Amino acid sequence: MKRDGSEETSTAVMQKTPIILSKPPAERSKQPPTPTAPAAPPAPAPLEKPIVLMKPREEGKGPAATASASTPEGTAPPPPAAPAPPKGEKEGQRPTQPVYQIQNRGMGTAAPAAMDPVVGQAKLLPPERMKHSIKLVDDQMNWCDSAIEYLLDQTDVLVVGVLGLQGTGKSMVMSLLSANTPEEDQRAYVFRAQSAEMKERGGNQTSGIDFFITQERIVFLDTQPILSPSILDHLINNDRKLPPEYSLPHTYVEMQSLQIAAFLFTVCHVVIVVQDWFTDLSLYRFLQTAEMVKPSTPSPSHESSSSSGSDEGTEYYPHLVFLQNKARREDFCPRKLRQMHLVIDQLMAHSHLRYKGTLSMLQCNVFPGLPPDFLDCEVNLFLMPFMDSEAESETPPRAGPSSSPLFSLLPGYRGHPSFQSLVSKLRSQVMSMARPQLSHTILTEKNWFHYAARIWDGVKKSSALAEYSRLLA
């Protein structure tokens, strides 16, 4: 399009400057296109079909665009007209850039009111409550995966395990600590206790490892008795085939017990050792052997373990609590109590297990007349009387012919607090224990389950346990 003099005169009169939005292909290939800029003086050479947009400079008027020629076929359509500059903008200044607001994703898709109330209420419900224990390891020493259905993705979890000889009351203690009370029927306990018929036959009630988790997210692991004569008798009389790596039944029973103890020492925060008389030296020898063959705590890298110089700083050891179940009245005597603490401290002197400093009967007001420094070496020892002695002691003795009627109304002397009170104090002390990190990473409940499965598989294939079994044979 060629401009003549009359057109330039009319343009000058109207004070309108032409803005060229398109350039010929020859100039377009030499330099990149530039954004819209104020018009320059017309070039001496005529342009081939340019697209001219006339933009008025007058304030308060909208843009007026006139195309002098239609867009040829194959070329891009002209861009929309630029908006008028703001009032305070000077002539020749670039127009103000537009302002964009980023909208949050999902704001315009669905309103909160559109959520299904049934789904929202289901998210607020507490996790499913367990009514009885389930198997974590069956009687064939195989891992079971059914417990993961009751676990959550949260890290505030405490794992408590139990060890003990046959008939010491492990299942009863774990039931009272987890979900039951002494007044309930023992047949309704979450961990099934040894029945009277089972006691008469000399058998064991628990086989493998039982699992139970409370609403407070505390995991309880009940185990079969260690070094159990009933399990050994069952192996011999029923002609059960032993694994090929074990040649003698008693070796297999001891290795089963060591596997369970080494597993608990690795995946539990607290391990309760229950005994019903004081004391069996073979039990302490067994605990030290299980500590020796315990799997090492996995480290995040080889550099951190080598730079520390020793594995003691990174190795994990749980809290160990000695529970003296079925304690007699003379066991609560201060002199006898001091002797028991001294014996346990000397037997466990070379152990890395945390057997002292985390539980105290003096601090929970079981012995109100004793000072806090009465015990020179206080270990994690707790005394629990007979459960059946509570009803017998509450029965008032009959008054004799020469006795005062006042003494006939007083309860019999027990020499210790009530059974319910001691269970409550033990529960509060166990649940308030520190929860050290089991691995180099913080584990959720489900992560702990997978971690425990790997540890159990590693314990069964442990070279240290295999070497120890060859020494026993």
Protein backbone atom coordinates (compact mmCIF):
# COMPACT_ATOMS: atom_id res chain seq x y z
CA MET A 1 0.00 0.00 0.00
CA LYS A 2 1.42 3.36 -0.99
CA ARG A 3 0.77 6.47 1.04
CA ASP A 4 0.10 9.75 -0.80
CA GLY A 5 0.46 13.29 0.46
CA SER A 6 -3.20 13.83 1.24
CA GLU A 7 -3.25 10.85 3.58
CA GLU A 8 -0.18 12.09 5.45
CA THR A 9 -1.74 15.54 5.81
CA SER A 10 -4.95 14.13 7.23
CA THR A 11 -2.99 11.96 9.61
CA ALA A 12 -1.00 14.91 10.88
CA VAL A 13 -4.17 16.93 11.37
CA MET A 14 -5.80 14.14 13.38
CA GLN A 15 -2.53 13.65 15.36
CA LYS A 16 -2.61 9.92 14.75
CA THR A 17 0.64 8.02 14.35
CA PRO A 18 0.53 4.76 12.39
CA ILE A 19 1.84 1.62 14.14
CA ILE A 20 3.23 -1.09 11.91
CA LEU A 21 2.51 -4.55 13.33
CA SER A 22 3.91 -6.62 10.50
CA LYS A 23 7.14 -6.43 8.53
CA PRO A 24 8.08 -7.85 5.18
CA PRO A 25 9.54 -11.37 5.11
CA ALA A 26 13.01 -10.06 4.17
CA GLU A 27 13.33 -7.94 7.30
CA ARG A 28 11.56 -10.55 9.45
CA SER A 29 14.31 -13.09 8.75
CA LYS A 30 17.13 -10.68 9.59
CA GLN A 31 16.00 -9.62 13.07
CA PRO A 32 13.51 -11.06 15.51
CA PRO A 33 10.12 -9.44 15.80
CA THR A 34 9.77 -6.80 18.47
CA PRO A 35 6.71 -5.99 20.53
CA THR A 36 4.41 -3.14 19.70
CA ALA A 37 6.34 0.13 19.68
CA PRO A 38 5.59 3.73 18.71
CA ALA A 39 5.49 4.29 14.98
CA ALA A 40 8.59 5.39 13.11
CA PRO A 41 8.71 7.65 10.04
CA PRO A 42 7.51 5.86 6.94
CA ALA A 43 10.17 3.97 5.04
CA PRO A 44 11.16 5.30 1.67
CA ALA A 45 10.52 1.98 -0.04
CA PRO A 46 6.91 0.89 -0.27
CA LEU A 47 5.89 -2.11 1.84
CA GLU A 48 4.25 -5.14 0.37
CA LYS A 49 0.76 -5.33 1.78
CA PRO A 50 1.49 -4.27 5.38
CA ILE A 51 -1.14 -4.35 8.09
CA VAL A 52 -1.46 -0.91 9.62
CA LEU A 53 -3.23 -0.37 12.91
CA MET A 54 -4.26 3.22 13.60
CA LYS A 55 -4.17 3.96 17.32
CA PRO A 56 -5.41 7.32 18.59
CA ARG A 57 -3.36 9.12 21.22
CA GLU A 58 -6.29 10.97 22.63
CA GLU A 59 -7.19 10.19 26.20
CA GLY A 60 -10.56 8.78 27.07
CA LYS A 61 -11.15 7.21 23.65
CA GLY A 62 -11.02 3.55 22.85
CA PRO A 63 -8.66 2.07 20.27
CA ALA A 64 -9.65 2.47 16.66
CA ALA A 65 -8.08 0.00 14.28
CA THR A 66 -8.38 0.06 10.55
CA ALA A 67 -6.79 -2.46 8.29
CA SER A 68 -5.89 -1.05 4.90
CA ALA A 69 -5.69 -4.43 3.28
CA SER A 70 -7.06 -7.84 3.96
CA THR A 71 -4.79 -10.53 5.27
CA PRO A 72 -3.41 -12.63 2.47
CA GLU A 73 -3.87 -16.36 2.52
CA GLY A 74 -1.22 -18.25 4.45
CA THR A 75 -0.28 -15.38 6.78
CA ALA A 76 -1.13 -15.09 10.47
CA PRO A 77 -4.19 -13.06 11.39
CA PRO A 78 -3.53 -9.67 12.95
CA PRO A 79 -3.32 -9.55 16.74
CA PRO A 80 -6.06 -7.80 18.71
CA ALA A 81 -5.81 -4.10 19.25
CA ALA A 82 -3.78 -2.99 22.24
CA PRO A 83 -5.73 -1.26 25.03
CA ALA A 84 -5.44 2.46 25.53
CA PRO A 85 -2.64 3.56 27.83
CA PRO A 86 -3.58 4.64 31.34
CA LYS A 87 -4.19 8.24 32.18
CA GLY A 88 -0.85 8.91 33.80
CA GLU A 89 1.21 7.25 31.09
CA LYS A 90 3.41 9.40 28.89
CA GLU A 91 3.36 9.28 25.14
CA GLY A 92 5.76 6.75 23.71
CA GLN A 93 5.89 4.65 26.91
CA ARG A 94 5.19 0.92 26.68
CA PRO A 95 1.67 0.01 27.80
CA THR A 96 1.26 -1.36 31.29
CA GLN A 97 1.73 -5.14 31.52
CA PRO A 98 -1.34 -7.14 32.55
CA VAL A 99 -1.48 -8.62 36.05
CA TYR A 100 -2.29 -12.33 36.38
CA GLN A 101 -3.66 -14.01 39.51
CA ILE A 102 -2.93 -17.70 40.05
CA GLN A 103 -5.89 -19.60 41.40
CA ASN A 104 -5.36 -22.49 43.81
CA ARG A 105 -5.82 -25.89 42.27
CA GLY A 106 -9.13 -27.44 43.11
CA MET A 107 -10.82 -24.24 44.31
CA GLY A 108 -13.22 -24.10 41.47
CA THR A 109 -13.79 -27.81 41.02
CA ALA A 110 -15.87 -28.74 44.03
CA ALA A 111 -17.11 -26.78 46.98
CA PRO A 112 -16.56 -28.13 50.51
CA ALA A 113 -20.30 -28.43 50.91
CA ALA A 114 -20.37 -30.93 48.07
CA MET A 115 -18.40 -33.55 50.11
CA ASP A 116 -20.35 -36.63 51.01
CA PRO A 117 -21.15 -36.44 54.76
CA VAL A 118 -20.75 -40.20 55.10
CA VAL A 119 -17.20 -40.05 53.71
CA GLY A 120 -16.31 -37.10 55.91
CA GLN A 121 -17.62 -38.83 59.01
CA ALA A 122 -15.70 -42.00 58.16
CA LYS A 123 -12.44 -40.04 58.06
CA LEU A 124 -13.05 -38.76 61.59
CA LEU A 125 -13.79 -42.16 63.07
CA PRO A 126 -11.10 -43.72 65.31
CA PRO A 127 -9.24 -46.78 64.02
CA GLU A 128 -10.80 -50.17 64.40
CA ARG A 129 -10.55 -51.49 67.93
CA MET A 130 -9.14 -54.95 68.47
CA LYS A 131 -11.15 -57.28 70.66
CA HIS A 132 -8.67 -60.13 70.89
CA SER A 133 -5.09 -60.85 69.93
CA ILE A 134 -4.04 -62.22 66.55
CA LYS A 135 -1.00 -64.13 65.38
CA LEU A 136 2.15 -62.29 64.38
CA VAL A 137 4.23 -65.50 64.25
CA ASP A 138 2.42 -68.85 64.20
CA ASP A 139 3.42 -72.08 65.93
CA GLN A 140 5.47 -73.08 62.86
CA MET A 141 7.56 -69.90 63.28
CA ASN A 142 6.14 -68.36 60.09
CA TRP A 143 5.33 -64.65 59.76
CA CYS A 144 1.66 -63.59 59.50
CA ASP A 145 0.52 -60.44 57.66
CA SER A 146 -2.95 -60.01 59.18
CA ALA A 147 -1.81 -57.49 61.81
CA ILE A 148 -1.11 -54.72 59.29
CA GLU A 149 -4.85 -54.10 58.89
CA TYR A 150 -4.94 -52.52 62.36
CA LEU A 151 -1.93 -50.23 61.89
CA LEU A 152 -1.83 -46.55 60.88
CA ASP A 153 0.64 -44.18 59.25
CA GLN A 154 1.66 -42.36 62.42
CA THR A 155 4.92 -42.46 64.37
CA ASP A 156 3.75 -42.19 67.99
CA VAL A 157 3.82 -45.90 68.84
CA LEU A 158 5.20 -47.91 71.78
CA VAL A 159 6.08 -51.60 71.39
CA VAL A 160 6.10 -53.79 74.52
CA GLY A 161 7.18 -57.44 74.48
CA VAL A 162 7.34 -60.13 77.15
CA LEU A 163 9.63 -63.08 77.91
CA GLY A 164 9.45 -65.70 80.61
CA LEU A 165 9.48 -69.35 81.52
CA GLN A 166 6.43 -71.58 81.33
CA GLY A 167 3.52 -70.82 83.68
CA THR A 168 4.86 -67.52 85.03
CA GLY A 169 1.78 -65.50 83.99
CA LYS A 170 3.02 -63.67 80.88
CA SER A 171 -0.35 -63.61 79.09
CA MET A 172 -2.17 -62.45 82.22
CA VAL A 173 0.28 -59.59 82.76
CA MET A 174 0.05 -58.45 79.14
CA SER A 175 -3.75 -58.57 79.23
CA LEU A 176 -3.87 -56.45 82.38
CA LEU A 177 -1.45 -53.92 80.90
CA SER A 178 -3.29 -53.65 77.59
CA ALA A 179 -7.07 -53.86 77.83
CA ASN A 180 -8.38 -55.84 80.81
CA THR A 181 -8.93 -55.36 84.54
CA PRO A 182 -8.45 -57.85 87.39
CA GLU A 183 -12.22 -57.96 87.98
CA GLU A 184 -12.94 -59.40 84.51
CA ASP A 185 -13.20 -63.06 83.71
CA GLN A 186 -9.86 -64.44 82.55
CA ARG A 187 -11.58 -66.19 79.66
CA ALA A 188 -12.35 -62.74 78.20
CA TYR A 189 -8.73 -61.54 78.29
CA VAL A 190 -7.24 -60.35 75.01
CA PHE A 191 -4.32 -62.75 75.54
CA ARG A 192 -5.70 -66.14 76.50
CA ALA A 193 -4.32 -67.18 79.87
CA GLN A 194 -3.42 -70.71 80.88
CA SER A 195 -6.54 -72.64 81.81
CA ALA A 196 -6.83 -74.99 84.77
CA GLU A 197 -6.87 -78.01 82.47
CA MET A 198 -3.72 -76.80 80.74
CA LYS A 199 -2.00 -76.37 84.09
CA GLU A 200 -2.91 -79.91 85.11
CA ARG A 201 -1.47 -81.30 81.88
CA GLY A 202 1.66 -79.17 82.23
CA GLY A 203 1.14 -77.59 78.81
CA ASN A 204 1.69 -74.11 77.45
CA GLN A 205 -1.14 -71.86 76.26
CA THR A 206 0.65 -69.43 73.92
CA SER A 207 2.49 -70.61 70.82
CA GLY A 208 4.50 -68.33 68.57
CA ILE A 209 3.98 -64.57 69.03
CA ASP A 210 0.58 -62.92 69.56
CA PHE A 211 -0.14 -59.31 68.56
CA PHE A 212 -2.47 -56.72 70.08
CA ILE A 213 -2.61 -52.91 69.70
CA THR A 214 -4.62 -50.56 71.91
CA GLN A 215 -6.45 -47.35 71.04
CA GLU A 216 -3.52 -45.46 72.59
CA ARG A 217 -1.33 -46.97 69.82
CA ILE A 218 0.65 -49.29 72.11
CA VAL A 219 1.64 -52.64 70.61
CA PHE A 220 1.82 -55.65 72.94
CA LEU A 221 3.61 -58.84 71.87
CA ASP A 222 2.93 -61.99 73.89
CA THR A 223 5.30 -64.89 73.28
CA GLN A 224 5.46 -68.60 73.90
CA PRO A 225 7.47 -69.70 76.96
CA ILE A 226 11.22 -69.85 76.55
CA LEU A 227 12.98 -73.18 77.13
CA SER A 228 9.55 -74.79 77.47
CA PRO A 229 9.44 -78.46 78.53
CA SER A 230 5.91 -78.85 77.12
CA ILE A 231 7.07 -77.80 73.63
CA LEU A 232 9.96 -80.25 73.89
CA ASP A 233 7.57 -83.01 74.97
CA HIS A 234 5.29 -82.20 72.05
CA LEU A 235 8.19 -82.48 69.60
CA ILE A 236 9.32 -85.83 70.95
CA ASN A 237 5.96 -87.57 71.39
CA ASN A 238 4.32 -86.36 68.17
CA ASP A 239 7.34 -87.19 65.99
CA ARG A 240 7.39 -83.76 64.44
CA LYS A 241 10.03 -83.41 61.77
CA LEU A 242 12.78 -81.02 62.74
CA PRO A 243 14.34 -78.59 60.28
CA PRO A 244 17.41 -80.07 58.57
CA GLU A 245 19.81 -77.74 60.39
CA TYR A 246 18.76 -79.11 63.81
CA SER A 247 19.49 -82.68 64.80
CA LEU A 248 18.21 -82.75 68.41
CA PRO A 249 14.80 -81.61 69.72
CA HIS A 250 16.15 -79.74 72.74
CA THR A 251 18.52 -77.80 70.47
CA TYR A 252 15.58 -76.78 68.30
CA VAL A 253 13.56 -75.62 71.34
CA GLU A 254 16.44 -73.50 72.63
CA MET A 255 17.04 -71.98 69.20
CA GLN A 256 13.35 -71.11 68.91
CA SER A 257 13.55 -69.30 72.24
CA LEU A 258 16.70 -67.44 71.21
CA GLN A 259 15.10 -66.37 67.93
CA ILE A 260 12.08 -64.92 69.74
CA ALA A 261 14.23 -63.15 72.36
CA ALA A 262 16.62 -61.70 69.76
CA PHE A 263 13.63 -60.53 67.73
CA LEU A 264 12.09 -58.73 70.73
CA PHE A 265 15.42 -57.11 71.63
CA THR A 266 15.47 -55.54 68.14
CA VAL A 267 11.87 -54.41 67.50
CA CYS A 268 10.56 -53.55 71.01
CA HIS A 269 10.98 -50.44 73.12
CA VAL A 270 10.28 -52.33 76.37
CA VAL A 271 10.81 -56.03 77.10
CA ILE A 272 9.27 -57.41 80.32
CA VAL A 273 10.93 -60.49 81.81
CA VAL A 274 8.39 -62.31 84.00
CA GLN A 275 9.45 -64.79 86.69
CA ASP A 276 7.42 -66.28 89.51
CA TRP A 277 10.25 -67.04 91.94
CA PHE A 278 13.60 -65.47 92.71
CA THR A 279 15.64 -66.46 90.87
CA ASP A 280 16.71 -68.81 88.05
CA LEU A 281 20.31 -68.32 86.95
CA SER A 282 19.67 -70.04 83.62
CA LEU A 283 17.25 -67.22 82.76
CA TYR A 284 20.00 -64.58 83.00
CA ARG A 285 22.37 -66.76 81.01
CA PHE A 286 19.69 -67.05 78.35
CA LEU A 287 19.17 -63.26 78.24
CA GLN A 288 22.88 -62.64 77.74
CA THR A 289 23.03 -65.25 74.97
CA ALA A 290 20.08 -63.63 73.19
CA GLU A 291 21.81 -60.27 73.49
CA MET A 292 24.93 -61.78 71.93
CA VAL A 293 23.09 -63.13 68.85
CA LYS A 294 20.79 -60.11 68.48
CA PRO A 295 20.76 -58.64 64.96
CA SER A 296 22.68 -55.41 64.64
CA THR A 297 20.79 -52.20 64.06
CA PRO A 298 20.94 -51.23 60.37
CA SER A 299 22.97 -48.05 59.87
CA PRO A 300 22.21 -45.43 57.20
CA SER A 301 25.66 -45.74 55.61
CA HIS A 302 28.99 -47.46 56.08
CA GLU A 303 30.75 -44.14 56.63
CA SER A 304 28.79 -43.27 59.75
CA SER A 305 29.46 -46.65 61.34
CA SER A 306 33.16 -46.60 60.51
CA SER A 307 33.68 -43.03 61.68
CA SER A 308 32.17 -43.71 65.10
CA GLY A 309 34.93 -46.15 65.94
CA SER A 310 32.64 -48.61 67.76
CA ASP A 311 29.18 -50.04 67.22
CA GLU A 312 28.01 -49.38 70.77
CA GLY A 313 26.99 -45.81 69.97
CA THR A 314 24.68 -46.80 67.11
CA GLU A 315 23.50 -50.20 68.37
CA TYR A 316 19.96 -50.30 69.72
CA TYR A 317 19.06 -51.94 73.04
CA PRO A 318 15.57 -51.90 74.60
CA HIS A 319 14.46 -51.19 78.16
CA LEU A 320 14.45 -54.39 80.23
CA VAL A 321 11.97 -54.71 83.12
CA PHE A 322 12.11 -57.60 85.60
CA LEU A 323 8.63 -58.41 86.88
CA GLN A 324 8.50 -60.61 89.97
CA ASN A 325 5.04 -62.13 89.61
CA LYS A 326 3.26 -64.03 92.41
CA ALA A 327 5.42 -62.28 94.99
CA ARG A 328 4.88 -63.22 98.63
CA ARG A 329 4.49 -60.88 101.56
CA GLU A 330 8.10 -61.29 102.70
CA ASP A 331 9.32 -60.24 99.24
CA PHE A 332 8.05 -56.73 99.97
CA CYS A 333 10.33 -56.47 103.01
CA PRO A 334 12.85 -53.62 102.48
CA ARG A 335 15.82 -55.85 103.33
CA LYS A 336 14.70 -58.53 100.85
CA LEU A 337 14.01 -55.85 98.24
CA ARG A 338 17.56 -54.51 98.53
CA GLN A 339 19.02 -58.00 98.14
CA MET A 340 17.02 -58.67 94.97
CA HIS A 341 18.17 -55.42 93.38
CA LEU A 342 21.79 -56.19 94.25
CA VAL A 343 21.66 -59.72 92.79
CA ILE A 344 20.09 -58.59 89.50
CA ASP A 345 22.58 -55.75 89.16
CA GLN A 346 25.53 -58.10 89.61
CA LEU A 347 24.16 -60.70 87.19
CA MET A 348 23.49 -58.10 84.47
CA ALA A 349 26.61 -56.00 85.07
CA HIS A 350 28.14 -56.77 81.65
CA SER A 351 24.92 -56.35 79.66
CA HIS A 352 24.19 -53.45 77.32
CA LEU A 353 20.44 -53.81 77.85
CA ARG A 354 18.82 -50.88 79.65
CA TYR A 355 17.96 -52.77 82.81
CA LYS A 356 18.24 -49.85 85.25
CA GLY A 357 17.24 -46.22 85.55
CA THR A 358 13.83 -46.28 83.81
CA LEU A 359 11.46 -47.86 86.39
CA SER A 360 11.33 -47.42 90.15
CA MET A 361 9.03 -48.78 92.83
CA LEU A 362 10.26 -46.12 95.25
CA GLN A 363 9.17 -43.21 93.06
CA CYS A 364 5.63 -44.54 92.53
CA ASN A 365 4.96 -44.57 96.30
CA VAL A 366 4.81 -48.35 96.75
CA PHE A 367 7.12 -48.01 99.78
CA PRO A 368 6.16 -44.63 101.26
CA GLY A 369 8.47 -45.00 104.29
CA LEU A 370 11.67 -45.58 102.31
CA PRO A 371 13.84 -42.67 101.13
CA PRO A 372 14.63 -42.37 97.39
CA ASP A 373 18.29 -43.29 98.00
CA PHE A 374 17.49 -46.45 99.97
CA LEU A 375 18.69 -48.69 97.13
CA ASP A 376 22.34 -48.30 96.19
CA CYS A 377 21.85 -49.89 92.76
CA GLU A 378 18.21 -49.76 91.74
CA VAL A 379 17.29 -51.85 88.70
CA ASN A 380 14.03 -52.05 86.76
CA LEU A 381 12.35 -54.46 89.17
CA PHE A 382 8.66 -54.54 89.99
CA LEU A 383 6.86 -56.87 92.41
CA MET A 384 3.37 -58.19 91.76
CA PRO A 385 1.52 -60.30 94.37
CA PHE A 386 -0.80 -63.22 93.76
CA MET A 387 -3.92 -62.15 91.92
CA ASP A 388 -6.12 -64.56 93.90
CA SER A 389 -4.81 -63.33 97.26
CA GLU A 390 -6.86 -60.14 96.93
CA ALA A 391 -10.19 -61.83 97.64
CA GLU A 392 -8.73 -63.96 100.43
CA SER A 393 -7.18 -60.97 102.22
CA GLU A 394 -10.42 -58.99 102.06
CA THR A 395 -12.26 -61.74 103.97
CA PRO A 396 -12.19 -60.63 107.63
CA PRO A 397 -10.84 -63.21 110.05
CA ARG A 398 -13.21 -64.66 112.59
CA ALA A 399 -12.94 -63.23 116.05
CA GLY A 400 -11.99 -65.63 118.81
CA PRO A 401 -13.81 -65.85 122.11
CA SER A 402 -11.25 -63.63 123.86
CA SER A 403 -10.55 -61.20 121.00
CA SER A 404 -11.94 -57.73 120.74
CA PRO A 405 -14.82 -57.25 118.29
CA LEU A 406 -12.96 -54.24 116.85
CA PHE A 407 -10.21 -56.39 115.30
CA SER A 408 -12.77 -58.64 113.67
CA LEU A 409 -13.88 -55.72 111.48
CA LEU A 410 -10.38 -54.86 110.22
CA PRO A 411 -9.03 -56.51 107.03
CA GLY A 412 -6.13 -58.90 107.25
CA TYR A 413 -2.58 -57.62 106.97
CA ARG A 414 -1.24 -57.97 103.44
CA GLY A 415 2.14 -56.27 103.70
CA HIS A 416 1.81 -54.67 100.25
CA PRO A 417 -0.62 -52.45 98.29
CA SER A 418 -3.63 -53.95 96.57
CA PHE A 419 -3.27 -55.88 93.33
CA GLN A 420 -5.29 -53.31 91.36
CA SER A 421 -3.12 -50.49 92.67
CA LEU A 422 0.12 -52.24 91.70
CA VAL A 423 -1.20 -53.06 88.22
CA SER A 424 -2.13 -49.41 87.71
CA LYS A 425 1.31 -48.22 88.86
CA LEU A 426 3.09 -50.71 86.61
CA ARG A 427 0.96 -49.70 83.63
CA SER A 428 1.66 -46.00 84.14
CA GLN A 429 5.41 -46.58 84.44
CA VAL A 430 5.64 -48.82 81.38
CA MET A 431 3.56 -46.52 79.18
CA SER A 432 5.57 -43.46 80.22
CA MET A 433 8.94 -44.95 79.27
CA ALA A 434 11.07 -43.28 76.64
CA ARG A 435 10.57 -44.45 73.07
CA PRO A 436 14.03 -44.55 71.50
CA GLN A 437 14.41 -44.76 67.75
CA LEU A 438 14.45 -48.39 66.65
CA SER A 439 16.21 -47.74 63.35
CA HIS A 440 18.17 -44.94 61.70
CA THR A 441 14.86 -43.55 60.40
CA ILE A 442 11.65 -42.71 62.24
CA LEU A 443 9.18 -45.55 61.73
CA THR A 444 5.42 -45.33 61.45
CA GLU A 445 3.24 -48.21 62.61
CA LYS A 446 3.14 -49.76 59.15
CA ASN A 447 6.85 -49.15 58.61
CA TRP A 448 7.51 -50.86 61.94
CA PHE A 449 5.53 -53.89 60.75
CA HIS A 450 7.62 -54.22 57.58
CA TYR A 451 10.80 -53.59 59.57
CA ALA A 452 9.83 -56.33 62.06
CA ALA A 453 9.13 -58.74 59.19
CA ARG A 454 12.63 -58.15 57.80
CA ILE A 455 14.17 -58.60 61.25
CA TRP A 456 12.31 -61.88 61.78
CA ASP A 457 13.45 -63.17 58.41
CA GLY A 458 17.01 -62.13 59.25
CA VAL A 459 16.85 -63.83 62.66
CA LYS A 460 15.77 -67.13 61.12
CA LYS A 461 18.67 -66.93 58.65
CA SER A 462 21.20 -65.55 61.13
CA SER A 463 24.70 -66.94 60.79
CA ALA A 464 25.40 -66.26 64.48
CA LEU A 465 22.45 -68.40 65.55
CA ALA A 466 23.45 -71.14 63.12
CA GLU A 467 26.98 -71.18 64.53
CA TYR A 468 25.63 -71.27 68.09
CA SER A 469 23.36 -74.22 67.25
CA ARG A 470 26.36 -76.15 65.89
CA LEU A 471 28.14 -75.55 69.19
CA LEU A 472 25.16 -76.96 71.09
CA ALA A 473 25.12 -80.09 68.95
